[in-house]
Amino acid sequence: MRDEANHAAVFDDLAASAPTSLGGLNMIIAFGLVEGNACSTSDCTKGYVQSFLDSSCPTYVLLPAELVPPHARHIHQPVAPLIRSLYGHPLASASWQNHLVSILSKELGGFEMPEQPSGFHFPSMSLALSVYVDDLTLSGPQKNHTKFWSTLQKHVQLEDPAELSKVLGRNHVSCDQGLALHSADFAKQCVELYEQLSGKKVKHFRTPPLVETDDQCVGQLSASSAKLVMKLMWLGRISRPDIMVAINTLARNITRWSANDDKRAARLVGYIAAAVDYAHVMRINDPPAKLWLSLYVDSDFGSSPDMKSTSGFIIALEGPDSLAIILWGSKTHVMFCYVLFCCVMFGYVCMLCILWYVFLLCCVM
């Protein structure tokens, strides 16, 4: 957004909303798998414009021809004051978020869980809610869902609540006494994007080996590598921990993409194409008293010679007959003079992360 002098407008009161994290969403979904609980979802209809724009700076918008009233049609480029939180305004997201949070706290007695952006707990109904802009995911005792949604619908325009299905591009499918985090549709989109960018059909057989001299040759996908890697990264984050290390390797080479990276990308996308239906299945078959959080972490990818300083972690909710992976990640330490320090700090960060999820688990259970 620019001002009358075509300079970037500066908003002193600029504040953006913080959508839920994937870890927070997964924890809330896992809570819904406990016996007697359920998950349901709903979308806020035209969420942003349900709230008033909260800004100290008046904003005016150009009116399209079909909205110009008859008495103003003689005006060149007629404008009108912006009253509602129109998508695209820097404060629209925060205005909508504040509006929704106010309703959740005042009308439903909820509070935002500490250090868990857009994750809400409702003690009176033992419910937990994840908010991603205008996508709402609710979990807790099944008997309380109807009461929650009917109360919220009095203050917010909602689509009819439904069972948990698709959230953030990820399908949730009941199977084998659990819930599969299924992303086959998005995985196919990744394969199609690779074929579009490379001009080649994906091959499932082994790709040519990496050659050291190819590190000096610019790869065919160099100009579009960021687009491909970002697509793959979202796939890994929402449902595929098994490809995070491979994506991490590609991500650190975006600015120096070589012919070897073309081979790595072909190998990774070939694997994805052959395993589009791979999915983690969350299973919670134990009461809350028998569940615990586990942290699995390694600071150098199992001491693999060519993967030094590649950290990885998995946080899972476990029990005698339960397993639900909540959060996962992989990262390479690029400042090798600080490798030892980074490895030690990574251990501390993972420990703090698991303590935070213990606190979150105590809030909802």
Protein backbone atom coordinates (compact mmCIF):
# COMPACT_ATOMS: atom_id res chain seq x y z
CA MET A 1 0.00 0.00 0.00
CA ARG A 2 1.36 3.44 -0.99
CA ASP A 3 0.56 7.02 -0.04
CA GLU A 4 -0.19 10.01 -2.27
CA ALA A 5 3.54 10.47 -3.03
CA ASN A 6 3.82 6.82 -4.13
CA HIS A 7 5.89 6.01 -1.06
CA ALA A 8 5.34 2.83 0.97
CA ALA A 9 2.76 3.66 3.63
CA VAL A 10 3.93 3.17 7.22
CA PHE A 11 1.43 2.13 9.84
CA ASP A 12 2.63 2.80 13.38
CA ASP A 13 -0.15 0.63 14.77
CA LEU A 14 0.46 -2.19 12.30
CA ALA A 15 -0.30 -5.53 13.97
CA ALA A 16 -0.77 -8.84 12.24
CA SER A 17 -2.76 -11.79 13.49
CA ALA A 18 -0.89 -14.95 14.45
CA PRO A 19 -2.50 -18.07 12.95
CA THR A 20 -2.27 -21.36 14.75
CA SER A 21 0.88 -23.45 14.41
CA LEU A 22 0.77 -26.91 12.85
CA GLY A 23 1.96 -28.37 16.14
CA GLY A 24 -0.89 -26.68 17.99
CA LEU A 25 -3.41 -27.90 15.40
CA ASN A 26 -2.08 -31.47 15.63
CA MET A 27 -2.29 -31.40 19.43
CA ILE A 28 -5.90 -30.23 19.31
CA ILE A 29 -6.75 -32.94 16.76
CA ALA A 30 -5.08 -35.56 18.97
CA PHE A 31 -7.19 -34.31 21.90
CA GLY A 32 -10.26 -34.97 19.77
CA LEU A 33 -9.23 -38.63 19.34
CA VAL A 34 -9.49 -39.38 23.07
CA GLU A 35 -12.44 -41.66 23.86
CA GLY A 36 -15.64 -39.64 24.23
CA ASN A 37 -14.17 -36.69 22.31
CA ALA A 38 -14.61 -35.64 18.69
CA CYS A 39 -13.34 -33.09 16.14
CA SER A 40 -15.51 -30.77 14.06
CA THR A 41 -14.80 -27.83 11.76
CA SER A 42 -16.45 -24.76 10.31
CA ASP A 43 -15.48 -21.79 8.14
CA CYS A 44 -16.37 -18.19 8.89
CA THR A 45 -18.28 -16.81 5.91
CA LYS A 46 -16.39 -13.82 4.48
CA GLY A 47 -14.52 -13.61 7.77
CA TYR A 48 -12.61 -10.36 7.34
CA VAL A 49 -15.58 -8.18 6.38
CA GLN A 50 -17.52 -9.32 9.44
CA SER A 51 -15.28 -7.02 11.48
CA PHE A 52 -14.80 -3.26 11.42
CA LEU A 53 -11.40 -1.92 10.36
CA ASP A 54 -9.54 -0.86 13.50
CA SER A 55 -7.20 1.88 12.32
CA SER A 56 -6.35 5.40 13.44
CA CYS A 57 -5.68 6.35 9.79
CA PRO A 58 -8.77 6.81 7.57
CA THR A 59 -8.62 4.67 4.45
CA TYR A 60 -10.44 5.35 1.18
CA VAL A 61 -10.98 2.88 -1.64
CA LEU A 62 -11.68 3.40 -5.35
CA LEU A 63 -15.18 2.31 -6.29
CA PRO A 64 -15.65 -0.02 -9.27
CA ALA A 65 -18.00 1.33 -11.93
CA GLU A 66 -20.87 -0.97 -10.98
CA LEU A 67 -20.88 0.33 -7.39
CA VAL A 68 -20.77 4.05 -8.13
CA PRO A 69 -24.13 5.66 -7.16
CA PRO A 70 -25.89 7.76 -9.85
CA HIS A 71 -25.18 11.08 -8.12
CA ALA A 72 -21.40 10.42 -8.22
CA ARG A 73 -20.94 9.15 -11.75
CA HIS A 74 -19.63 12.48 -12.94
CA ILE A 75 -16.64 12.20 -10.57
CA HIS A 76 -13.36 10.93 -11.97
CA GLN A 77 -12.20 7.99 -9.80
CA PRO A 78 -14.81 8.28 -6.99
CA VAL A 79 -13.75 6.92 -3.58
CA ALA A 80 -15.51 5.85 -0.39
CA PRO A 81 -14.30 5.41 3.19
CA LEU A 82 -13.33 1.85 4.08
CA ILE A 83 -15.37 0.77 7.11
CA ARG A 84 -15.00 -3.01 7.09
CA SER A 85 -11.79 -5.09 7.19
CA LEU A 86 -11.32 -5.60 3.48
CA TYR A 87 -8.79 -8.27 2.53
CA GLY A 88 -5.56 -6.63 1.39
CA HIS A 89 -5.47 -3.85 3.97
CA PRO A 90 -2.47 -4.26 6.31
CA LEU A 91 -4.73 -4.13 9.38
CA ALA A 92 -7.56 -6.30 8.07
CA SER A 93 -6.15 -9.54 9.47
CA ALA A 94 -5.53 -8.12 12.95
CA SER A 95 -8.94 -6.41 13.03
CA TRP A 96 -10.68 -9.68 12.22
CA GLN A 97 -8.56 -11.60 14.73
CA ASN A 98 -9.32 -9.13 17.53
CA HIS A 99 -13.03 -9.25 16.69
CA LEU A 100 -13.12 -13.05 16.84
CA VAL A 101 -11.00 -13.28 20.01
CA SER A 102 -13.32 -10.82 21.75
CA ILE A 103 -16.34 -13.02 20.95
CA LEU A 104 -14.60 -16.24 21.99
CA SER A 105 -13.61 -14.76 25.35
CA LYS A 106 -16.72 -12.75 26.24
CA GLU A 107 -19.46 -14.99 24.87
CA LEU A 108 -17.91 -18.43 25.31
CA GLY A 109 -15.54 -17.96 28.24
CA GLY A 110 -12.46 -19.01 26.31
CA PHE A 111 -8.86 -17.87 26.67
CA GLU A 112 -5.88 -18.07 24.38
CA MET A 113 -3.43 -20.68 25.62
CA PRO A 114 -0.02 -19.23 26.62
CA GLU A 115 2.59 -19.37 23.85
CA GLN A 116 0.01 -21.01 21.57
CA PRO A 117 -1.16 -18.41 19.03
CA SER A 118 -4.79 -18.81 18.03
CA GLY A 119 -5.25 -21.87 20.24
CA PHE A 120 -8.13 -21.45 22.69
CA HIS A 121 -9.35 -23.41 25.70
CA PHE A 122 -12.90 -23.31 27.03
CA PRO A 123 -12.80 -24.72 30.59
CA SER A 124 -16.56 -24.75 31.16
CA MET A 125 -17.05 -27.11 28.19
CA SER A 126 -13.61 -28.81 28.20
CA LEU A 127 -13.16 -27.83 24.55
CA ALA A 128 -10.12 -26.67 22.57
CA LEU A 129 -10.25 -24.58 19.39
CA SER A 130 -7.67 -23.97 16.66
CA VAL A 131 -8.12 -20.82 14.55
CA TYR A 132 -6.39 -20.38 11.20
CA VAL A 133 -7.69 -17.02 9.92
CA ASP A 134 -11.31 -18.09 9.27
CA ASP A 135 -10.91 -21.89 9.51
CA LEU A 136 -12.02 -23.20 12.91
CA THR A 137 -11.18 -26.67 14.25
CA LEU A 138 -12.85 -27.75 17.49
CA SER A 139 -12.12 -30.77 19.68
CA GLY A 140 -13.33 -32.08 23.01
CA PRO A 141 -16.34 -33.92 24.47
CA GLN A 142 -18.72 -34.64 21.60
CA LYS A 143 -21.78 -33.67 23.68
CA ASN A 144 -20.55 -30.04 23.92
CA HIS A 145 -19.91 -29.36 20.23
CA THR A 146 -23.49 -28.43 19.33
CA LYS A 147 -23.73 -25.96 22.22
CA PHE A 148 -20.43 -24.31 21.23
CA TRP A 149 -21.28 -23.89 17.55
CA SER A 150 -24.84 -22.69 18.18
CA THR A 151 -23.58 -20.03 20.61
CA LEU A 152 -20.84 -18.87 18.23
CA GLN A 153 -23.30 -18.69 15.31
CA LYS A 154 -25.25 -16.02 17.18
CA HIS A 155 -22.27 -13.66 16.83
CA VAL A 156 -20.31 -14.89 13.78
CA GLN A 157 -21.54 -15.96 10.35
CA LEU A 158 -20.49 -19.59 9.97
CA GLU A 159 -20.94 -22.41 7.53
CA ASP A 160 -22.71 -25.44 8.96
CA PRO A 161 -20.30 -27.33 11.24
CA ALA A 162 -19.09 -30.67 9.90
CA GLU A 163 -16.83 -33.54 10.90
CA LEU A 164 -13.11 -32.95 10.53
CA SER A 165 -12.15 -33.41 6.87
CA LYS A 166 -9.78 -31.02 5.08
CA VAL A 167 -7.74 -28.38 6.92
CA LEU A 168 -4.76 -26.44 5.49
CA GLY A 169 -4.63 -28.63 2.40
CA ARG A 170 -4.51 -31.84 4.43
CA ASN A 171 -7.28 -34.43 4.50
CA HIS A 172 -8.14 -36.27 7.71
CA VAL A 173 -9.39 -39.79 7.04
CA SER A 174 -10.60 -42.29 9.66
CA CYS A 175 -8.87 -45.63 9.22
CA ASP A 176 -7.68 -48.61 11.24
CA GLN A 177 -8.77 -47.27 14.65
CA GLY A 178 -7.08 -43.95 13.99
CA LEU A 179 -6.98 -40.79 11.90
CA ALA A 180 -4.72 -40.55 8.85
CA LEU A 181 -3.11 -37.19 8.03
CA HIS A 182 -3.59 -37.74 4.32
CA SER A 183 -2.12 -35.35 1.75
CA ALA A 184 -2.25 -37.38 -1.47
CA ASP A 185 -3.95 -34.57 -3.39
CA PHE A 186 -1.27 -32.05 -2.42
CA ALA A 187 1.49 -34.59 -3.11
CA LYS A 188 0.14 -35.02 -6.65
CA GLN A 189 0.20 -31.24 -7.07
CA CYS A 190 3.91 -31.28 -6.14
CA VAL A 191 4.59 -33.96 -8.76
CA GLU A 192 2.64 -32.02 -11.41
CA LEU A 193 4.54 -28.83 -10.58
CA TYR A 194 7.88 -30.62 -10.98
CA GLU A 195 6.83 -32.01 -14.35
CA GLN A 196 5.69 -28.56 -15.44
CA LEU A 197 8.93 -26.85 -14.38
CA SER A 198 11.33 -29.54 -15.63
CA GLY A 199 9.43 -30.56 -18.76
CA LYS A 200 10.03 -34.20 -17.81
CA LYS A 201 7.79 -36.99 -16.61
CA VAL A 202 8.58 -38.24 -13.13
CA LYS A 203 10.51 -41.51 -13.05
CA HIS A 204 10.22 -43.92 -10.15
CA PHE A 205 13.47 -45.79 -10.78
CA ARG A 206 16.82 -44.76 -9.36
CA THR A 207 18.22 -41.46 -10.67
CA PRO A 208 21.86 -41.09 -11.83
CA PRO A 209 24.41 -40.80 -9.00
CA LEU A 210 25.71 -37.43 -7.87
CA VAL A 211 28.99 -36.37 -9.48
CA GLU A 212 31.28 -33.87 -7.74
CA THR A 213 31.92 -31.91 -10.95
CA ASP A 214 28.15 -31.35 -11.36
CA ASP A 215 28.23 -29.12 -8.28
CA GLN A 216 29.87 -26.49 -10.50
CA CYS A 217 27.21 -26.70 -13.23
CA VAL A 218 24.05 -24.58 -12.97
CA GLY A 219 20.98 -26.80 -12.74
CA GLN A 220 18.07 -26.72 -15.17
CA LEU A 221 15.66 -25.83 -12.33
CA SER A 222 17.83 -23.03 -10.96
CA ALA A 223 15.42 -20.21 -11.87
CA SER A 224 12.35 -21.99 -10.48
CA SER A 225 13.90 -23.97 -7.63
CA ALA A 226 12.39 -21.76 -4.90
CA LYS A 227 8.87 -22.35 -6.22
CA LEU A 228 9.35 -26.12 -6.21
CA VAL A 229 11.08 -26.30 -2.84
CA MET A 230 8.45 -24.16 -1.09
CA LYS A 231 5.71 -26.43 -2.42
CA LEU A 232 7.59 -29.51 -1.22
CA MET A 233 8.30 -27.88 2.13
CA TRP A 234 4.60 -27.35 2.84
CA LEU A 235 3.93 -31.01 1.98
CA GLY A 236 6.61 -32.07 4.45
CA ARG A 237 5.31 -29.77 7.18
CA ILE A 238 1.67 -30.78 7.00
CA SER A 239 2.00 -34.56 6.84
CA ARG A 240 5.31 -36.05 5.64
CA PRO A 241 8.14 -36.15 8.20
CA ASP A 242 9.85 -38.78 6.04
CA ILE A 243 10.89 -36.20 3.40
CA MET A 244 11.97 -33.32 5.66
CA VAL A 245 15.72 -34.06 5.50
CA ALA A 246 15.68 -34.28 1.68
CA ILE A 247 13.74 -31.00 1.45
CA ASN A 248 16.17 -29.37 3.87
CA THR A 249 19.07 -30.35 1.60
CA LEU A 250 17.39 -28.75 -1.41
CA ALA A 251 16.34 -25.63 0.51
CA ARG A 252 19.87 -24.71 1.51
CA ASN A 253 20.98 -24.84 -2.14
CA ILE A 254 18.34 -22.56 -3.68
CA THR A 255 20.84 -19.71 -4.22
CA ARG A 256 23.49 -22.07 -5.63
CA TRP A 257 21.37 -24.64 -7.46
CA SER A 258 23.48 -27.11 -9.41
CA ALA A 259 23.00 -30.10 -11.71
CA ASN A 260 23.32 -32.33 -8.66
CA ASP A 261 20.36 -30.54 -7.12
CA ASP A 262 18.36 -31.36 -10.25
CA LYS A 263 19.12 -35.01 -9.54
CA ARG A 264 18.20 -34.66 -5.87
CA ALA A 265 14.89 -33.04 -6.78
CA ALA A 266 14.13 -35.75 -9.37
CA ARG A 267 14.90 -38.45 -6.81
CA LEU A 268 12.73 -36.83 -4.13
CA VAL A 269 9.75 -36.16 -6.42
CA GLY A 270 10.04 -39.69 -7.81
CA TYR A 271 9.79 -41.04 -4.28
CA ILE A 272 6.77 -38.83 -3.56
CA ALA A 273 5.05 -39.97 -6.77
CA ALA A 274 5.57 -43.60 -5.78
CA ALA A 275 4.31 -42.98 -2.24
CA VAL A 276 1.52 -40.40 -2.59
CA ASP A 277 -0.68 -42.38 -0.19
CA TYR A 278 1.89 -42.50 2.61
CA ALA A 279 0.40 -40.90 5.72
CA HIS A 280 0.93 -40.82 9.44
CA VAL A 281 -1.99 -42.38 11.31
CA MET A 282 -2.77 -40.84 14.71
CA ARG A 283 -4.02 -43.44 17.18
CA ILE A 284 -5.16 -42.51 20.69
CA ASN A 285 -6.61 -45.62 22.35
CA ASP A 286 -5.62 -44.88 25.95
CA PRO A 287 -7.16 -42.60 28.61
CA PRO A 288 -5.39 -39.24 29.22
CA ALA A 289 -3.82 -40.52 32.45
CA LYS A 290 -1.83 -43.10 30.47
CA LEU A 291 -0.54 -40.70 27.80
CA TRP A 292 2.83 -38.98 27.75
CA LEU A 293 4.84 -36.73 25.43
CA SER A 294 8.04 -38.09 23.92
CA LEU A 295 10.86 -36.21 22.24
CA TYR A 296 13.14 -37.92 19.73
CA VAL A 297 16.08 -35.75 18.69
CA ASP A 298 19.46 -36.05 16.96
CA SER A 299 21.86 -33.19 16.29
CA ASP A 300 23.69 -34.72 13.31
CA PHE A 301 21.32 -37.12 11.52
CA GLY A 302 22.67 -40.34 13.02
CA SER A 303 26.32 -39.38 12.43
CA SER A 304 25.93 -39.87 8.67
CA PRO A 305 29.25 -38.74 7.06
CA ASP A 306 27.59 -36.44 4.50
CA MET A 307 24.87 -35.09 6.80
CA LYS A 308 26.88 -33.60 9.66
CA SER A 309 25.20 -30.86 11.68
CA THR A 310 21.74 -31.76 10.38
CA SER A 311 19.43 -31.59 13.36
CA GLY A 312 16.06 -33.29 13.49
CA PHE A 313 13.33 -33.88 16.03
CA ILE A 314 9.94 -35.51 16.48
CA ILE A 315 7.51 -34.77 19.31
CA ALA A 316 4.86 -37.45 19.79
CA LEU A 317 1.95 -38.13 22.12
CA GLU A 318 2.30 -41.76 23.18
CA GLY A 319 0.71 -44.39 25.36
CA PRO A 320 0.67 -48.19 25.71
CA ASP A 321 -1.66 -48.37 22.69
CA SER A 322 -1.32 -44.82 21.31
CA LEU A 323 0.92 -42.85 18.97
CA ALA A 324 0.27 -39.42 17.49
CA ILE A 325 3.15 -37.39 16.04
CA ILE A 326 2.53 -33.76 16.98
CA LEU A 327 5.49 -31.88 15.50
CA TRP A 328 8.60 -32.64 13.47
CA GLY A 329 11.41 -30.76 11.78
CA SER A 330 14.91 -30.79 10.31
CA LYS A 331 17.48 -28.04 10.03
CA THR A 332 21.12 -27.71 9.00
CA HIS A 333 23.60 -25.59 10.96
CA VAL A 334 25.38 -23.57 8.29
CA MET A 335 27.84 -21.72 10.55
CA PHE A 336 30.27 -24.57 11.03
CA CYS A 337 32.47 -22.68 13.49
CA TYR A 338 29.49 -22.72 15.83
CA VAL A 339 28.43 -26.31 15.15
CA LEU A 340 29.10 -27.57 18.66
CA PHE A 341 27.32 -24.59 20.20
CA CYS A 342 24.37 -25.06 17.80
CA CYS A 343 24.07 -28.76 18.62
CA VAL A 344 23.98 -28.04 22.36
CA MET A 345 21.50 -25.20 21.90
CA PHE A 346 19.34 -27.40 19.69
CA GLY A 347 19.03 -29.85 22.57
CA TYR A 348 17.93 -27.06 24.90
CA VAL A 349 15.42 -25.73 22.37
CA CYS A 350 13.89 -29.19 21.93
CA MET A 351 13.69 -29.61 25.70
CA LEU A 352 11.88 -26.26 26.06
CA CYS A 353 9.60 -27.23 23.17
CA ILE A 354 8.57 -30.49 24.84
CA LEU A 355 7.93 -28.68 28.14
CA TRP A 356 5.69 -26.22 26.30
CA TYR A 357 3.67 -29.06 24.78
CA VAL A 358 3.36 -30.69 28.22
CA PHE A 359 1.85 -27.43 29.44
CA LEU A 360 -0.48 -27.31 26.41
CA LEU A 361 -1.51 -30.92 27.02
CA CYS A 362 -2.33 -30.11 30.66
CA CYS A 363 -4.49 -27.18 29.52
CA VAL A 364 -6.71 -29.22 27.24
CA MET A 365 -6.79 -32.48 29.18
